[in-house]
C-alpha atoms as a PDB file:
ATOM      1  CA  MET A   1       7.041  10.724  -2.787  1.00  0.00           C
ATOM      2  CA  ARG A   2       8.910   8.601  -5.367  1.00  0.00           C
ATOM      3  CA  ASN A   3       7.681   5.499  -6.813  1.00  0.00           C
ATOM      4  CA  ARG A   4       8.224   2.605  -9.032  1.00  0.00           C
ATOM      5  CA  ILE A   5       5.314   1.947 -10.870  1.00  0.00           C
ATOM      6  CA  LYS A   6       6.491   2.505 -14.407  1.00  0.00           C
ATOM      7  CA  VAL A   7       9.232  -0.600 -13.217  1.00  0.00           C
ATOM      8  CA  ALA A   8       6.576  -2.660 -11.915  1.00  0.00           C
ATOM      9  CA  ARG A   9       4.262  -2.108 -15.095  1.00  0.00           C
ATOM     10  CA  ALA A  10       7.180  -2.780 -17.441  1.00  0.00           C
ATOM     11  CA  GLU A  11       7.994  -6.080 -15.322  1.00  0.00           C
ATOM     12  CA  HIS A  12       4.409  -7.226 -15.564  1.00  0.00           C
ATOM     13  CA  ASN A  13       3.929  -6.356 -19.180  1.00  0.00           C
ATOM     14  CA  LEU A  14       1.012  -3.686 -18.121  1.00  0.00           C
ATOM     15  CA  SER A  15       0.093  -0.512 -19.773  1.00  0.00           C
ATOM     16  CA  GLN A  16      -0.955   2.251 -18.026  1.00  0.00           C
ATOM     17  CA  ALA A  17      -4.507   1.689 -19.183  1.00  0.00           C
ATOM     18  CA  ASP A  18      -4.319  -2.155 -18.081  1.00  0.00           C
ATOM     19  CA  LEU A  19      -3.309  -1.113 -14.216  1.00  0.00           C
ATOM     20  CA  ALA A  20      -5.901   1.570 -14.495  1.00  0.00           C
ATOM     21  CA  GLU A  21      -8.641  -0.913 -15.286  1.00  0.00           C
ATOM     22  CA  ARG A  22      -7.560  -3.126 -12.792  1.00  0.00           C
ATOM     23  CA  VAL A  23      -7.439  -0.512  -9.609  1.00  0.00           C
ATOM     24  CA  GLY A  24     -10.309   1.485 -10.841  1.00  0.00           C
ATOM     25  CA  VAL A  25      -8.914   4.909 -11.796  1.00  0.00           C
ATOM     26  CA  SER A  26      -8.068   6.707 -15.296  1.00  0.00           C
ATOM     27  CA  ARG A  27      -5.020   6.240 -17.159  1.00  0.00           C
ATOM     28  CA  GLN A  28      -4.411   9.850 -16.631  1.00  0.00           C
ATOM     29  CA  THR A  29      -4.299   9.485 -13.071  1.00  0.00           C
ATOM     30  CA  ILE A  30      -1.574   6.477 -13.462  1.00  0.00           C
ATOM     31  CA  ASN A  31       0.484   8.791 -15.335  1.00  0.00           C
ATOM     32  CA  SER A  32       0.148  11.619 -12.898  1.00  0.00           C
ATOM     33  CA  ILE A  33       1.388   9.130 -10.103  1.00  0.00           C
ATOM     34  CA  GLU A  34       4.458   8.205 -12.240  1.00  0.00           C
ATOM     35  CA  THR A  35       5.331  11.767 -12.849  1.00  0.00           C
ATOM     36  CA  GLY A  36       5.174  12.354  -9.487  1.00  0.00           C
ATOM     37  CA  ARG A  37       2.170  15.161  -9.883  1.00  0.00           C
ATOM     38  CA  TYR A  38      -0.128  13.141  -7.959  1.00  0.00           C
ATOM     39  CA  VAL A  39       0.167  11.239  -4.568  1.00  0.00           C
ATOM     40  CA  PRO A  40      -2.026   8.348  -4.239  1.00  0.00           C
ATOM     41  CA  SER A  41      -4.651   7.701  -1.552  1.00  0.00           C
ATOM     42  CA  THR A  42      -3.480   5.206   0.863  1.00  0.00           C
ATOM     43  CA  VAL A  43      -6.354   2.801  -0.640  1.00  0.00           C
ATOM     44  CA  LEU A  44      -5.275   3.463  -3.850  1.00  0.00           C
ATOM     45  CA  ALA A  45      -1.696   2.857  -3.123  1.00  0.00           C
ATOM     46  CA  LEU A  46      -2.439  -0.776  -1.344  1.00  0.00           C
ATOM     47  CA  LYS A  47      -4.784  -1.461  -4.615  1.00  0.00           C
ATOM     48  CA  ILE A  48      -1.708  -0.954  -6.834  1.00  0.00           C
ATOM     49  CA  ALA A  49       0.725  -3.210  -4.636  1.00  0.00           C
ATOM     50  CA  ARG A  50      -1.942  -5.528  -4.515  1.00  0.00           C
ATOM     51  CA  VAL A  51      -1.733  -5.815  -8.477  1.00  0.00           C
ATOM     52  CA  PHE A  52       1.846  -6.400  -8.147  1.00  0.00           C
ATOM     53  CA  THR A  53       1.855  -8.488  -5.414  1.00  0.00           C
ATOM     54  CA  LYS A  54       4.338  -6.052  -3.444  1.00  0.00           C
ATOM     55  CA  ALA A  55       4.460  -4.585  -0.327  1.00  0.00           C
ATOM     56  CA  MET A  56       3.350  -0.744  -0.708  1.00  0.00           C
ATOM     57  CA  ASP A  57       6.977   0.312   0.621  1.00  0.00           C
ATOM     58  CA  GLU A  58       8.610  -1.450  -2.094  1.00  0.00           C
ATOM     59  CA  LEU A  59       6.417   0.794  -4.934  1.00  0.00           C
ATOM     60  CA  PHE A  60       6.739   3.965  -2.968  1.00  0.00           C
ATOM     61  CA  GLN A  61       9.146   5.834  -1.530  1.00  0.00           C
ATOM     62  CA  LEU A  62       9.309   8.976   0.896  1.00  0.00           C
ATOM     63  CA  GLU A  63      11.964  11.843  -0.621  1.00  0.00           C
ATOM     64  CA  GLU A  64      14.445  13.300   1.268  1.00  0.00           C
ATOM     65  CA  GLY A  65      12.394  16.023   3.388  1.00  0.00           C
ATOM     66  CA  ASP A  66       9.078  14.534   3.010  1.00  0.00           C
END
């Protein structure tokens, strides 16, 4: 799964720690999501999308073969 979390954070001038605090996870979790090592739960993905006022599919996309 690809994501645009890092881009969205930059657009909103948020650090990984800022986003983590807003959605109730650790900074390391945000880092793992951004680098593709961790696929967030639906609930977490919805919380992240809400922070950026975007639809979930604007932030997360399936890769070919997923």
